[in-house]
Protein backbone atom coordinates (compact mmCIF):
# COMPACT_ATOMS: atom_id res chain seq x y z
CA MET A 1 13.25 -9.45 -2.06
CA ILE A 2 11.33 -10.19 -5.24
CA TYR A 3 8.88 -7.94 -7.07
CA THR A 4 6.09 -9.92 -8.69
CA VAL A 5 4.07 -8.74 -11.69
CA THR A 6 0.49 -10.00 -11.91
CA LEU A 7 -1.70 -9.13 -14.91
CA MET A 8 -5.51 -8.90 -14.87
CA ASP A 9 -8.26 -8.34 -17.38
CA GLU A 10 -11.37 -6.72 -15.87
CA PHE A 11 -12.96 -6.74 -12.43
CA LYS A 12 -16.31 -8.21 -11.62
CA ASP A 13 -19.01 -5.64 -10.99
CA GLU A 14 -20.81 -5.22 -7.69
CA LYS A 15 -23.54 -7.73 -8.61
CA ASN A 16 -20.91 -10.41 -9.25
CA ALA A 17 -18.64 -9.61 -6.31
CA ARG A 18 -17.36 -12.54 -4.36
CA PHE A 19 -17.37 -12.79 -0.60
CA SER A 20 -14.41 -13.52 1.61
CA SER A 21 -14.22 -16.59 3.81
CA PRO A 22 -17.01 -16.66 6.40
CA VAL A 23 -14.41 -17.95 8.84
CA SER A 24 -12.50 -14.67 8.79
CA HIS A 25 -14.91 -11.83 7.99
CA LYS A 26 -17.73 -11.10 5.57
CA ALA A 27 -16.39 -8.10 3.70
CA MET A 28 -17.20 -7.94 0.01
CA TYR A 29 -14.30 -7.76 -2.40
CA TRP A 30 -13.83 -7.66 -6.14
CA MET A 31 -11.71 -10.16 -8.00
CA ALA A 32 -10.43 -9.90 -11.54
CA ASP A 33 -12.17 -12.20 -14.01
CA SER A 34 -8.78 -13.54 -15.02
CA ASP A 35 -5.31 -12.98 -13.57
CA TRP A 36 -1.87 -14.38 -14.19
CA THR A 37 1.47 -13.83 -12.46
CA ALA A 38 3.75 -13.24 -15.41
CA GLY A 39 7.02 -13.18 -13.49
CA TYR A 40 9.19 -11.47 -10.93
CA PHE A 41 12.19 -9.17 -10.71
CA THR A 42 14.84 -8.65 -8.05
CA ASN A 43 14.95 -4.90 -8.73
CA LEU A 44 11.85 -2.71 -8.34
CA ASP A 45 12.90 -0.24 -11.05
CA ASP A 46 13.30 -3.11 -13.52
CA ALA A 47 9.80 -4.37 -12.70
CA ILE A 48 8.28 -0.90 -13.11
CA ASN A 49 10.05 -0.29 -16.43
CA ALA A 50 9.08 -3.72 -17.77
CA VAL A 51 5.41 -3.07 -16.97
CA LYS A 52 5.36 0.53 -18.21
CA ASN A 53 7.06 -0.41 -21.49
CA ASN A 54 5.01 -3.59 -22.02
CA GLU A 55 8.20 -5.63 -22.41
CA LEU A 56 7.79 -8.85 -24.40
CA ASP A 57 4.20 -7.74 -25.12
CA VAL A 58 3.33 -9.02 -21.65
CA PHE A 59 -0.13 -7.42 -21.72
CA GLU A 60 -0.85 -9.37 -24.94
CA HIS A 61 -3.62 -6.87 -25.78
CA CYS A 62 -5.94 -8.82 -23.48
CA TYR A 63 -4.85 -7.78 -19.97
CA ASN A 64 -5.82 -4.31 -18.77
CA TYR A 65 -4.15 -4.07 -15.36
CA ALA A 66 -0.89 -5.01 -13.69
CA VAL A 67 0.00 -5.01 -10.02
CA ILE A 68 3.51 -5.12 -8.59
CA GLU A 69 3.97 -6.59 -5.12
CA ALA A 70 7.15 -7.14 -3.07
CA PHE A 71 7.88 -10.31 -1.10
CA ASP A 72 10.73 -11.62 1.00
CA GLU A 73 11.80 -15.20 0.53
CA GLY A 74 10.40 -18.00 2.68
CA PHE A 75 7.15 -19.75 3.41
CA TYR A 76 3.87 -17.84 3.61
CA PRO A 77 5.29 -14.56 2.30
CA MET A 78 3.54 -11.31 3.17
CA PRO A 79 3.74 -8.22 0.96
CA GLU A 80 6.55 -5.90 1.97
CA MET A 81 5.34 -2.71 0.25
CA LYS A 82 2.18 -0.99 -0.92
CA GLN A 83 0.95 -2.43 -4.21
CA MET A 84 1.73 -0.49 -7.37
CA TRP A 85 -1.08 -0.57 -9.93
CA PHE A 86 -0.88 0.09 -13.68
CA ARG A 87 -3.41 0.27 -16.52
CA TYR A 88 -2.47 -0.70 -20.06
CA ASP A 89 -3.24 1.70 -22.92
CA PRO A 90 -3.41 -0.17 -26.24
CA LYS A 91 -3.16 3.09 -28.25
CA THR A 92 0.30 3.89 -26.88
CA ASP A 93 1.24 0.26 -26.07
CA LYS A 94 2.36 1.44 -22.63
CA ALA A 95 1.08 1.10 -19.08
CA TYR A 96 0.56 4.00 -16.71
CA GLU A 97 0.55 3.98 -12.92
CA ILE A 98 -2.91 4.40 -11.40
CA GLU A 99 -4.67 4.24 -8.07
CA PRO A 100 -6.08 0.77 -7.34
CA PRO A 101 -9.04 0.30 -9.72
CA VAL A 102 -11.42 -0.83 -6.96
CA TYR A 103 -11.46 -0.68 -3.22
CA ASN A 104 -10.67 -4.03 -1.76
CA GLN A 105 -8.54 -5.68 0.88
CA ILE A 106 -6.95 -8.20 -1.44
CA TYR A 107 -3.23 -8.66 -1.34
CA LYS A 108 -0.86 -11.42 -2.38
CA TYR A 109 -2.18 -11.65 -5.93
CA ALA A 110 1.03 -13.48 -6.85
CA PHE A 111 0.60 -16.15 -4.18
């Protein structure tokens, strides 16, 4: 099992929302303007602590959110746990766990 950490800046607003594939369904969802999978951990607690403590200045004072997802090895991995969301606070230089910032059905940010 790996625990991926993906960083994001801000989310598009409702006027700029993207639509999912017309082949599957037509639900509206919100995507971050910019996202980047910074890395992965083999231990969930290590991933959480790294995000909360902004290790290696991973938020770089330009990313506002992080999401941790769990995946098993192999092709076409599916998330193995509920996403954990965090918001970065530049005043404290730490990240705090939050509810997902927007309602959406997006998963597999890392892949």
